[in-house]
């Protein structure tokens, strides 16, 4: 989760669910009160399961260069998006 990239979304009132594989990064995000909910998840190893929770926006920053099975990521994001939701991501 990118602390710097999440702040503008928080400032306009969006509720942020943060996901990162690093407990240290999540600790920093918690201290800075950026996210409403935080999950420590290795996205390369696990399916995203948020129950019936669906998101209008899913944003990924600086992740894809670390995960080689992008089909798995795109399938998981699709399951979490609301109909006509948006998935934004960066590439390096």
N, C-alpha and C. Protein backbone atom coordinates (compact mmCIF):
# COMPACT_ATOMS: atom_id res chain seq x y z
N UNK A 1 0.85 -1.18 0.00
CA UNK A 1 0.00 0.00 0.00
C UNK A 1 0.89 1.23 0.00
N UNK A 2 0.58 2.17 -0.83
CA UNK A 2 1.37 3.39 -0.92
C UNK A 2 0.74 4.48 -0.06
N UNK A 3 1.42 4.83 1.00
CA UNK A 3 0.95 5.87 1.90
C UNK A 3 0.77 7.18 1.16
N UNK A 4 1.79 7.56 0.40
CA UNK A 4 1.79 8.83 -0.33
C UNK A 4 0.65 8.88 -1.36
N UNK A 5 0.43 7.78 -2.05
CA UNK A 5 -0.58 7.74 -3.11
C UNK A 5 -2.00 7.62 -2.55
N UNK A 6 -2.15 7.14 -1.33
CA UNK A 6 -3.49 6.94 -0.74
C UNK A 6 -4.07 8.21 -0.12
N UNK A 7 -3.20 9.08 0.36
CA UNK A 7 -3.67 10.29 1.06
C UNK A 7 -4.67 11.13 0.28
N UNK A 8 -4.45 11.42 -1.01
CA UNK A 8 -5.44 12.24 -1.74
C UNK A 8 -6.83 11.60 -1.79
N UNK A 9 -6.87 10.27 -1.89
CA UNK A 9 -8.16 9.59 -1.93
C UNK A 9 -8.87 9.69 -0.58
N UNK A 10 -8.10 9.57 0.49
CA UNK A 10 -8.65 9.71 1.84
C UNK A 10 -9.18 11.13 2.05
N UNK A 11 -8.43 12.13 1.56
CA UNK A 11 -8.81 13.53 1.75
C UNK A 11 -10.14 13.88 1.09
N UNK A 12 -10.48 13.20 -0.01
CA UNK A 12 -11.76 13.50 -0.67
C UNK A 12 -12.91 12.64 -0.12
N UNK A 13 -12.61 11.87 0.92
CA UNK A 13 -13.68 11.16 1.61
C UNK A 13 -13.87 9.70 1.25
N UNK A 14 -12.99 9.13 0.41
CA UNK A 14 -13.13 7.71 0.10
C UNK A 14 -12.68 6.87 1.28
N UNK A 15 -13.35 5.77 1.49
CA UNK A 15 -12.92 4.81 2.52
C UNK A 15 -11.86 3.92 1.89
N UNK A 16 -10.73 3.81 2.56
CA UNK A 16 -9.59 3.10 2.03
C UNK A 16 -9.42 1.75 2.72
N UNK A 17 -9.35 0.69 1.93
CA UNK A 17 -8.96 -0.62 2.41
C UNK A 17 -7.57 -0.87 1.88
N UNK A 18 -6.60 -0.99 2.76
CA UNK A 18 -5.21 -1.15 2.34
C UNK A 18 -4.77 -2.59 2.41
N UNK A 19 -4.04 -3.00 1.39
CA UNK A 19 -3.48 -4.35 1.34
C UNK A 19 -1.99 -4.23 1.06
N UNK A 20 -1.20 -4.93 1.85
CA UNK A 20 0.24 -4.96 1.61
C UNK A 20 0.79 -6.26 2.19
N UNK A 21 1.89 -6.71 1.65
CA UNK A 21 2.54 -7.91 2.15
C UNK A 21 3.48 -7.62 3.31
N UNK A 22 3.66 -6.34 3.63
CA UNK A 22 4.60 -5.93 4.67
C UNK A 22 3.87 -5.42 5.90
N UNK A 23 4.08 -6.09 7.02
CA UNK A 23 3.50 -5.62 8.30
C UNK A 23 4.04 -4.23 8.64
N UNK A 24 5.31 -3.98 8.30
CA UNK A 24 5.92 -2.68 8.59
C UNK A 24 5.22 -1.55 7.84
N UNK A 25 4.92 -1.76 6.56
CA UNK A 25 4.21 -0.74 5.78
C UNK A 25 2.82 -0.51 6.35
N UNK A 26 2.15 -1.57 6.73
CA UNK A 26 0.81 -1.43 7.30
C UNK A 26 0.84 -0.69 8.63
N UNK A 27 1.89 -0.90 9.40
CA UNK A 27 2.05 -0.19 10.66
C UNK A 27 2.19 1.32 10.42
N UNK A 28 2.96 1.68 9.39
CA UNK A 28 3.15 3.09 9.03
C UNK A 28 1.82 3.69 8.57
N UNK A 29 1.08 2.96 7.75
CA UNK A 29 -0.22 3.44 7.28
C UNK A 29 -1.19 3.64 8.44
N UNK A 30 -1.15 2.71 9.38
CA UNK A 30 -2.03 2.82 10.56
C UNK A 30 -1.67 4.06 11.38
N UNK A 31 -0.39 4.31 11.57
CA UNK A 31 0.07 5.48 12.32
C UNK A 31 -0.36 6.78 11.65
N UNK A 32 -0.38 6.77 10.33
CA UNK A 32 -0.75 7.97 9.57
C UNK A 32 -2.24 8.06 9.28
N UNK A 33 -2.99 7.10 9.78
CA UNK A 33 -4.45 7.07 9.64
C UNK A 33 -4.90 7.24 8.19
N UNK A 34 -4.26 6.52 7.29
CA UNK A 34 -4.59 6.60 5.87
C UNK A 34 -5.73 5.67 5.52
N UNK A 35 -5.72 4.47 6.07
CA UNK A 35 -6.71 3.46 5.68
C UNK A 35 -7.71 3.21 6.79
N UNK A 36 -8.91 2.83 6.38
CA UNK A 36 -9.95 2.46 7.34
C UNK A 36 -9.79 1.01 7.79
N UNK A 37 -9.34 0.17 6.86
CA UNK A 37 -9.12 -1.25 7.12
C UNK A 37 -7.80 -1.64 6.47
N UNK A 38 -7.02 -2.46 7.16
CA UNK A 38 -5.74 -2.91 6.62
C UNK A 38 -5.65 -4.43 6.66
N UNK A 39 -5.11 -5.01 5.58
CA UNK A 39 -4.90 -6.45 5.49
C UNK A 39 -3.45 -6.72 5.10
N UNK A 40 -2.82 -7.66 5.78
CA UNK A 40 -1.50 -8.13 5.39
C UNK A 40 -1.71 -9.40 4.57
N UNK A 41 -1.52 -9.26 3.25
CA UNK A 41 -1.81 -10.36 2.32
C UNK A 41 -0.69 -10.43 1.28
N UNK A 42 -0.23 -11.63 1.01
CA UNK A 42 0.69 -11.86 -0.11
C UNK A 42 -0.18 -12.11 -1.33
N UNK A 43 -0.34 -11.12 -2.17
CA UNK A 43 -1.26 -11.21 -3.30
C UNK A 43 -0.87 -12.27 -4.33
N UNK A 44 0.38 -12.68 -4.32
CA UNK A 44 0.82 -13.72 -5.26
C UNK A 44 0.38 -15.10 -4.79
N UNK A 45 0.00 -15.21 -3.52
CA UNK A 45 -0.27 -16.53 -2.95
C UNK A 45 -1.72 -16.78 -2.57
N UNK A 46 -2.52 -15.76 -2.48
CA UNK A 46 -3.84 -15.93 -1.89
C UNK A 46 -4.92 -15.25 -2.73
N UNK A 47 -6.12 -15.81 -2.68
CA UNK A 47 -7.26 -15.17 -3.32
C UNK A 47 -7.79 -14.08 -2.42
N UNK A 48 -8.23 -12.99 -3.00
CA UNK A 48 -8.85 -11.92 -2.23
C UNK A 48 -10.28 -12.32 -1.90
N UNK A 49 -10.59 -12.32 -0.63
CA UNK A 49 -11.94 -12.66 -0.21
C UNK A 49 -12.38 -11.62 0.81
N UNK A 50 -13.36 -10.85 0.44
CA UNK A 50 -13.88 -9.82 1.33
C UNK A 50 -15.36 -10.05 1.60
N UNK A 51 -15.79 -11.30 1.58
CA UNK A 51 -17.20 -11.60 1.78
C UNK A 51 -18.02 -10.99 0.67
N UNK A 52 -19.06 -10.29 1.03
CA UNK A 52 -19.92 -9.66 0.03
C UNK A 52 -19.46 -8.24 -0.32
N UNK A 53 -18.37 -7.79 0.30
CA UNK A 53 -17.86 -6.44 0.06
C UNK A 53 -17.41 -6.28 -1.39
N UNK A 54 -17.93 -5.26 -2.05
CA UNK A 54 -17.53 -4.93 -3.42
C UNK A 54 -17.05 -3.48 -3.43
N UNK A 55 -16.12 -3.19 -4.33
CA UNK A 55 -15.49 -1.88 -4.39
C UNK A 55 -15.77 -1.20 -5.72
N UNK A 56 -15.97 0.11 -5.68
CA UNK A 56 -16.14 0.90 -6.89
C UNK A 56 -14.79 1.15 -7.57
N UNK A 57 -13.76 1.28 -6.75
CA UNK A 57 -12.42 1.56 -7.26
C UNK A 57 -11.42 0.61 -6.60
N UNK A 58 -10.56 0.03 -7.40
CA UNK A 58 -9.41 -0.72 -6.91
C UNK A 58 -8.20 -0.11 -7.58
N UNK A 59 -7.24 0.29 -6.76
CA UNK A 59 -6.05 0.95 -7.28
C UNK A 59 -4.82 0.18 -6.81
N UNK A 60 -3.95 -0.11 -7.76
CA UNK A 60 -2.71 -0.82 -7.47
C UNK A 60 -1.55 0.05 -7.89
N UNK A 61 -0.63 0.26 -6.96
CA UNK A 61 0.53 1.09 -7.26
C UNK A 61 1.81 0.28 -7.02
N UNK A 62 2.64 0.19 -8.06
CA UNK A 62 3.96 -0.45 -7.96
C UNK A 62 3.88 -1.88 -7.42
N UNK A 63 3.02 -2.67 -8.01
CA UNK A 63 2.85 -4.06 -7.57
C UNK A 63 3.21 -5.07 -8.64
N UNK A 64 2.84 -4.80 -9.86
CA UNK A 64 2.92 -5.83 -10.90
C UNK A 64 4.34 -6.31 -11.20
N UNK A 65 5.33 -5.50 -10.94
CA UNK A 65 6.71 -5.95 -11.19
C UNK A 65 7.15 -7.01 -10.19
N UNK A 66 6.38 -7.21 -9.13
CA UNK A 66 6.72 -8.21 -8.11
C UNK A 66 5.89 -9.49 -8.24
N UNK A 67 4.87 -9.48 -9.07
CA UNK A 67 3.99 -10.64 -9.22
C UNK A 67 3.97 -11.03 -10.69
N UNK A 68 4.21 -12.29 -10.96
CA UNK A 68 4.32 -12.73 -12.35
C UNK A 68 3.03 -13.33 -12.89
N UNK A 69 2.14 -13.81 -12.03
CA UNK A 69 0.86 -14.37 -12.49
C UNK A 69 -0.19 -13.28 -12.43
N UNK A 70 -0.17 -12.40 -13.42
CA UNK A 70 -1.11 -11.28 -13.41
C UNK A 70 -2.54 -11.72 -13.67
N UNK A 71 -2.74 -12.83 -14.35
CA UNK A 71 -4.10 -13.34 -14.57
C UNK A 71 -4.78 -13.58 -13.23
N UNK A 72 -4.05 -14.12 -12.29
CA UNK A 72 -4.58 -14.37 -10.94
C UNK A 72 -5.02 -13.06 -10.27
N UNK A 73 -4.19 -12.03 -10.41
CA UNK A 73 -4.52 -10.73 -9.82
C UNK A 73 -5.77 -10.14 -10.48
N UNK A 74 -5.82 -10.15 -11.80
CA UNK A 74 -6.96 -9.58 -12.50
C UNK A 74 -8.25 -10.34 -12.18
N UNK A 75 -8.19 -11.65 -12.03
CA UNK A 75 -9.38 -12.43 -11.66
C UNK A 75 -9.86 -12.05 -10.27
N UNK A 76 -8.91 -11.88 -9.34
CA UNK A 76 -9.28 -11.49 -7.98
C UNK A 76 -9.88 -10.10 -7.92
N UNK A 77 -9.29 -9.18 -8.65
CA UNK A 77 -9.83 -7.81 -8.67
C UNK A 77 -11.23 -7.81 -9.27
N UNK A 78 -11.41 -8.56 -10.33
CA UNK A 78 -12.74 -8.64 -10.96
C UNK A 78 -13.80 -9.10 -9.96
N UNK A 79 -13.46 -10.05 -9.11
CA UNK A 79 -14.41 -10.55 -8.10
C UNK A 79 -14.76 -9.49 -7.06
N UNK A 80 -13.84 -8.55 -6.83
CA UNK A 80 -14.03 -7.55 -5.78
C UNK A 80 -14.67 -6.26 -6.28
N UNK A 81 -14.73 -6.08 -7.60
CA UNK A 81 -15.27 -4.84 -8.16
C UNK A 81 -16.79 -4.86 -8.28
N UNK A 82 -17.39 -3.70 -8.01
CA UNK A 82 -18.80 -3.52 -8.32
C UNK A 82 -18.97 -3.52 -9.83
N UNK A 83 -20.19 -3.77 -10.27
CA UNK A 83 -20.45 -3.67 -11.70
C UNK A 83 -20.13 -2.25 -12.15
N UNK A 84 -19.44 -2.12 -13.25
CA UNK A 84 -18.96 -0.84 -13.78
C UNK A 84 -17.97 -0.15 -12.85
N UNK A 85 -17.28 -0.95 -12.02
CA UNK A 85 -16.22 -0.42 -11.16
C UNK A 85 -14.96 -0.18 -11.98
N UNK A 86 -13.99 0.48 -11.37
CA UNK A 86 -12.76 0.84 -12.05
C UNK A 86 -11.55 0.21 -11.38
N UNK A 87 -10.62 -0.27 -12.20
CA UNK A 87 -9.35 -0.80 -11.72
C UNK A 87 -8.24 0.03 -12.32
N UNK A 88 -7.54 0.78 -11.50
CA UNK A 88 -6.43 1.59 -11.96
C UNK A 88 -5.13 1.02 -11.42
N UNK A 89 -4.09 1.03 -12.24
CA UNK A 89 -2.81 0.47 -11.79
C UNK A 89 -1.65 1.15 -12.50
N UNK A 90 -0.52 1.08 -11.85
CA UNK A 90 0.71 1.62 -12.46
C UNK A 90 1.55 0.46 -12.97
N UNK A 91 2.38 0.77 -13.95
CA UNK A 91 3.35 -0.20 -14.44
C UNK A 91 4.73 0.45 -14.47
N UNK A 92 5.71 -0.36 -14.25
CA UNK A 92 7.09 0.17 -14.23
C UNK A 92 7.78 -0.25 -15.50
